[in-house]
């Protein structure tokens, strides 16, 4: 995900390993939230769209690319909700 994001923006993150670890942790949490049907509060979609609109759109593009991956489809059969995308966008 981080590599795809870097390719889309044409820049490289300095602390890529830490960023990757944080995103992996969030995706694991997201997986178990879905598996056990847990609804926990997330970042407000509206506030992320106002403050980080371009980052949100890039995150959405990255997820669309990942959704084509067979392994990704195995764990995430349904599409990401906008609130979930907003939470991911905050990492970037």
N, C-alpha and C. Protein backbone atom coordinates (compact mmCIF):
# COMPACT_ATOMS: atom_id res chain seq x y z
N UNK A 1 0.82 -1.18 0.00
CA UNK A 1 0.00 0.00 0.00
C UNK A 1 0.88 1.26 0.00
N UNK A 2 1.89 1.26 0.82
CA UNK A 2 2.79 2.42 0.91
C UNK A 2 3.53 2.61 -0.42
N UNK A 3 3.98 1.52 -1.01
CA UNK A 3 4.68 1.62 -2.30
C UNK A 3 3.77 2.14 -3.40
N UNK A 4 2.54 1.68 -3.43
CA UNK A 4 1.58 2.18 -4.43
C UNK A 4 1.32 3.67 -4.23
N UNK A 5 1.17 4.07 -2.98
CA UNK A 5 0.94 5.48 -2.68
C UNK A 5 2.13 6.33 -3.14
N UNK A 6 3.33 5.83 -2.87
CA UNK A 6 4.54 6.56 -3.30
C UNK A 6 4.58 6.71 -4.82
N UNK A 7 4.22 5.64 -5.53
CA UNK A 7 4.23 5.71 -7.00
C UNK A 7 3.21 6.72 -7.51
N UNK A 8 2.05 6.77 -6.87
CA UNK A 8 1.02 7.71 -7.32
C UNK A 8 1.42 9.16 -7.11
N UNK A 9 2.09 9.45 -5.98
CA UNK A 9 2.43 10.84 -5.70
C UNK A 9 3.81 11.23 -6.21
N UNK A 10 4.63 10.23 -6.52
CA UNK A 10 5.96 10.52 -7.05
C UNK A 10 6.96 10.95 -6.00
N UNK A 11 6.68 10.66 -4.75
CA UNK A 11 7.58 10.99 -3.65
C UNK A 11 7.86 9.74 -2.82
N UNK A 12 8.87 9.83 -1.97
CA UNK A 12 9.22 8.71 -1.12
C UNK A 12 9.10 9.13 0.34
N UNK A 13 8.51 8.27 1.18
CA UNK A 13 8.38 8.55 2.60
C UNK A 13 9.70 8.26 3.30
N UNK A 14 10.04 9.11 4.27
CA UNK A 14 11.29 8.93 5.01
C UNK A 14 11.23 7.74 5.96
N UNK A 15 10.19 7.68 6.75
CA UNK A 15 10.06 6.59 7.73
C UNK A 15 9.07 5.56 7.23
N UNK A 16 9.41 4.96 6.10
CA UNK A 16 8.53 4.02 5.42
C UNK A 16 8.22 2.79 6.28
N UNK A 17 9.20 2.29 6.99
CA UNK A 17 8.99 1.09 7.81
C UNK A 17 7.97 1.34 8.92
N UNK A 18 8.08 2.48 9.57
CA UNK A 18 7.14 2.82 10.65
C UNK A 18 5.74 3.03 10.09
N UNK A 19 5.65 3.72 8.96
CA UNK A 19 4.36 3.95 8.33
C UNK A 19 3.72 2.63 7.93
N UNK A 20 4.50 1.75 7.34
CA UNK A 20 3.99 0.44 6.93
C UNK A 20 3.49 -0.34 8.14
N UNK A 21 4.21 -0.29 9.23
CA UNK A 21 3.81 -1.00 10.45
C UNK A 21 2.47 -0.46 10.99
N UNK A 22 2.31 0.85 11.00
CA UNK A 22 1.07 1.45 11.48
C UNK A 22 -0.12 1.06 10.59
N UNK A 23 0.10 1.08 9.30
CA UNK A 23 -0.98 0.72 8.37
C UNK A 23 -1.32 -0.76 8.49
N UNK A 24 -0.32 -1.60 8.62
CA UNK A 24 -0.58 -3.04 8.80
C UNK A 24 -1.39 -3.29 10.06
N UNK A 25 -1.05 -2.59 11.12
CA UNK A 25 -1.79 -2.74 12.37
C UNK A 25 -3.24 -2.32 12.19
N UNK A 26 -3.46 -1.19 11.52
CA UNK A 26 -4.83 -0.74 11.30
C UNK A 26 -5.61 -1.73 10.44
N UNK A 27 -4.97 -2.27 9.40
CA UNK A 27 -5.66 -3.22 8.52
C UNK A 27 -6.01 -4.50 9.28
N UNK A 28 -5.15 -4.92 10.18
CA UNK A 28 -5.49 -6.09 11.02
C UNK A 28 -6.70 -5.79 11.89
N UNK A 29 -6.71 -4.61 12.49
CA UNK A 29 -7.84 -4.20 13.32
C UNK A 29 -9.11 -4.16 12.48
N UNK A 30 -9.00 -3.59 11.29
CA UNK A 30 -10.14 -3.50 10.39
C UNK A 30 -10.66 -4.90 10.02
N UNK A 31 -9.74 -5.81 9.75
CA UNK A 31 -10.12 -7.18 9.42
C UNK A 31 -10.93 -7.80 10.55
N UNK A 32 -10.45 -7.67 11.79
CA UNK A 32 -11.16 -8.28 12.92
C UNK A 32 -12.46 -7.54 13.26
N UNK A 33 -12.50 -6.23 13.03
CA UNK A 33 -13.77 -5.50 13.21
C UNK A 33 -14.83 -6.08 12.29
N UNK A 34 -14.43 -6.33 11.05
CA UNK A 34 -15.38 -6.89 10.09
C UNK A 34 -15.73 -8.33 10.44
N UNK A 35 -14.74 -9.10 10.80
CA UNK A 35 -14.96 -10.52 11.11
C UNK A 35 -15.93 -10.69 12.27
N UNK A 36 -15.76 -9.88 13.30
CA UNK A 36 -16.60 -10.01 14.49
C UNK A 36 -17.71 -8.96 14.54
N UNK A 37 -17.90 -8.26 13.43
CA UNK A 37 -18.95 -7.26 13.27
C UNK A 37 -18.96 -6.24 14.41
N UNK A 38 -17.80 -5.68 14.65
CA UNK A 38 -17.64 -4.67 15.69
C UNK A 38 -17.63 -3.29 15.04
N UNK A 39 -18.43 -2.42 15.54
CA UNK A 39 -18.45 -1.05 15.03
C UNK A 39 -17.81 -0.14 16.08
N UNK A 40 -16.65 0.36 15.77
CA UNK A 40 -15.94 1.26 16.67
C UNK A 40 -15.86 2.63 16.02
N UNK A 41 -15.79 3.68 16.82
CA UNK A 41 -15.71 5.02 16.24
C UNK A 41 -14.47 5.20 15.37
N UNK A 42 -14.63 5.93 14.31
CA UNK A 42 -13.52 6.21 13.40
C UNK A 42 -13.48 7.71 13.14
N UNK A 43 -12.48 8.13 12.39
CA UNK A 43 -12.39 9.54 12.04
C UNK A 43 -13.61 9.96 11.23
N UNK A 44 -14.01 11.17 11.40
CA UNK A 44 -15.14 11.72 10.66
C UNK A 44 -14.74 11.88 9.19
N UNK A 45 -15.53 11.31 8.33
CA UNK A 45 -15.27 11.40 6.90
C UNK A 45 -15.29 12.85 6.44
N UNK A 46 -16.21 13.62 6.95
CA UNK A 46 -16.34 15.01 6.54
C UNK A 46 -15.09 15.82 6.91
N UNK A 47 -14.57 15.64 8.11
CA UNK A 47 -13.39 16.42 8.52
C UNK A 47 -12.16 16.01 7.72
N UNK A 48 -12.03 14.73 7.42
CA UNK A 48 -10.88 14.28 6.61
C UNK A 48 -11.01 14.82 5.19
N UNK A 49 -12.22 14.79 4.65
CA UNK A 49 -12.43 15.33 3.30
C UNK A 49 -12.13 16.82 3.22
N UNK A 50 -12.45 17.56 4.27
CA UNK A 50 -12.18 18.99 4.27
C UNK A 50 -10.70 19.29 4.39
N UNK A 51 -10.01 18.58 5.27
CA UNK A 51 -8.61 18.88 5.55
C UNK A 51 -7.64 18.15 4.63
N UNK A 52 -7.98 16.95 4.22
CA UNK A 52 -7.05 16.10 3.45
C UNK A 52 -7.72 15.50 2.22
N UNK A 53 -8.42 16.30 1.46
CA UNK A 53 -9.20 15.80 0.34
C UNK A 53 -8.35 15.05 -0.68
N UNK A 54 -7.22 15.60 -1.06
CA UNK A 54 -6.37 14.95 -2.06
C UNK A 54 -5.77 13.65 -1.53
N UNK A 55 -5.40 13.65 -0.27
CA UNK A 55 -4.85 12.43 0.33
C UNK A 55 -5.93 11.35 0.39
N UNK A 56 -7.15 11.75 0.72
CA UNK A 56 -8.26 10.79 0.75
C UNK A 56 -8.47 10.19 -0.64
N UNK A 57 -8.46 11.03 -1.67
CA UNK A 57 -8.66 10.55 -3.03
C UNK A 57 -7.54 9.61 -3.47
N UNK A 58 -6.30 9.94 -3.11
CA UNK A 58 -5.18 9.05 -3.43
C UNK A 58 -5.29 7.72 -2.69
N UNK A 59 -5.70 7.78 -1.44
CA UNK A 59 -5.89 6.55 -0.66
C UNK A 59 -6.97 5.69 -1.31
N UNK A 60 -8.02 6.32 -1.77
CA UNK A 60 -9.10 5.60 -2.45
C UNK A 60 -8.58 4.92 -3.72
N UNK A 61 -7.72 5.59 -4.48
CA UNK A 61 -7.14 4.99 -5.69
C UNK A 61 -6.25 3.80 -5.35
N UNK A 62 -5.46 3.94 -4.28
CA UNK A 62 -4.58 2.84 -3.86
C UNK A 62 -5.42 1.62 -3.49
N UNK A 63 -6.48 1.84 -2.73
CA UNK A 63 -7.34 0.72 -2.33
C UNK A 63 -8.00 0.08 -3.55
N UNK A 64 -8.39 0.88 -4.53
CA UNK A 64 -8.98 0.32 -5.75
C UNK A 64 -7.98 -0.58 -6.47
N UNK A 65 -6.72 -0.18 -6.47
CA UNK A 65 -5.68 -1.02 -7.06
C UNK A 65 -5.48 -2.30 -6.26
N UNK A 66 -5.49 -2.18 -4.94
CA UNK A 66 -5.31 -3.35 -4.08
C UNK A 66 -6.49 -4.32 -4.17
N UNK A 67 -7.67 -3.80 -4.41
CA UNK A 67 -8.86 -4.65 -4.50
C UNK A 67 -8.79 -5.61 -5.67
N UNK A 68 -7.91 -5.37 -6.61
CA UNK A 68 -7.72 -6.27 -7.74
C UNK A 68 -6.82 -7.45 -7.38
N UNK A 69 -6.11 -7.34 -6.27
CA UNK A 69 -5.20 -8.39 -5.82
C UNK A 69 -5.98 -9.56 -5.23
N UNK A 70 -5.61 -10.77 -5.62
CA UNK A 70 -6.32 -11.97 -5.18
C UNK A 70 -6.22 -12.17 -3.66
N UNK A 71 -5.05 -11.97 -3.10
CA UNK A 71 -4.87 -12.14 -1.66
C UNK A 71 -5.68 -11.11 -0.88
N UNK A 72 -5.69 -9.90 -1.35
CA UNK A 72 -6.48 -8.85 -0.71
C UNK A 72 -7.96 -9.21 -0.72
N UNK A 73 -8.45 -9.72 -1.85
CA UNK A 73 -9.85 -10.13 -1.97
C UNK A 73 -10.20 -11.26 -1.01
N UNK A 74 -9.22 -12.10 -0.70
CA UNK A 74 -9.46 -13.21 0.22
C UNK A 74 -9.85 -12.71 1.60
N UNK A 75 -9.20 -11.65 2.06
CA UNK A 75 -9.45 -11.14 3.41
C UNK A 75 -10.49 -10.03 3.45
N UNK A 76 -10.63 -9.30 2.38
CA UNK A 76 -11.59 -8.20 2.32
C UNK A 76 -12.51 -8.39 1.13
N UNK A 77 -13.56 -9.17 1.35
CA UNK A 77 -14.49 -9.48 0.28
C UNK A 77 -15.35 -8.27 -0.11
N UNK A 78 -15.69 -7.45 0.85
CA UNK A 78 -16.48 -6.25 0.55
C UNK A 78 -15.56 -5.04 0.46
N UNK A 79 -16.02 -4.04 -0.24
CA UNK A 79 -15.22 -2.82 -0.42
C UNK A 79 -15.08 -2.05 0.89
N UNK A 80 -14.04 -1.25 0.96
CA UNK A 80 -13.82 -0.41 2.13
C UNK A 80 -14.88 0.68 2.16
N UNK A 81 -15.36 0.98 3.34
CA UNK A 81 -16.30 2.09 3.51
C UNK A 81 -15.49 3.38 3.48
N UNK A 82 -16.16 4.47 3.19
CA UNK A 82 -15.48 5.77 3.14
C UNK A 82 -14.87 6.14 4.48
N UNK A 83 -15.53 5.77 5.58
CA UNK A 83 -14.98 6.06 6.91
C UNK A 83 -13.67 5.29 7.14
N UNK A 84 -13.62 4.06 6.63
CA UNK A 84 -12.39 3.26 6.75
C UNK A 84 -11.28 3.88 5.90
N UNK A 85 -11.64 4.35 4.72
CA UNK A 85 -10.66 5.02 3.87
C UNK A 85 -10.16 6.31 4.52
N UNK A 86 -11.06 7.02 5.18
CA UNK A 86 -10.67 8.25 5.85
C UNK A 86 -9.64 7.96 6.94
N UNK A 87 -9.85 6.88 7.66
CA UNK A 87 -8.90 6.52 8.71
C UNK A 87 -7.54 6.18 8.12
N UNK A 88 -7.53 5.44 7.00
CA UNK A 88 -6.27 5.13 6.31
C UNK A 88 -5.60 6.39 5.79
N UNK A 89 -6.38 7.31 5.26
CA UNK A 89 -5.82 8.54 4.69
C UNK A 89 -5.07 9.34 5.74
N UNK A 90 -5.52 9.29 6.97
CA UNK A 90 -4.88 10.05 8.06
C UNK A 90 -3.43 9.57 8.27
N UNK A 91 -3.14 8.32 7.99
CA UNK A 91 -1.78 7.81 8.12
C UNK A 91 -0.83 8.50 7.14
N UNK A 92 -1.34 8.84 5.96
CA UNK A 92 -0.49 9.47 4.96
C UNK A 92 -0.41 10.96 5.16
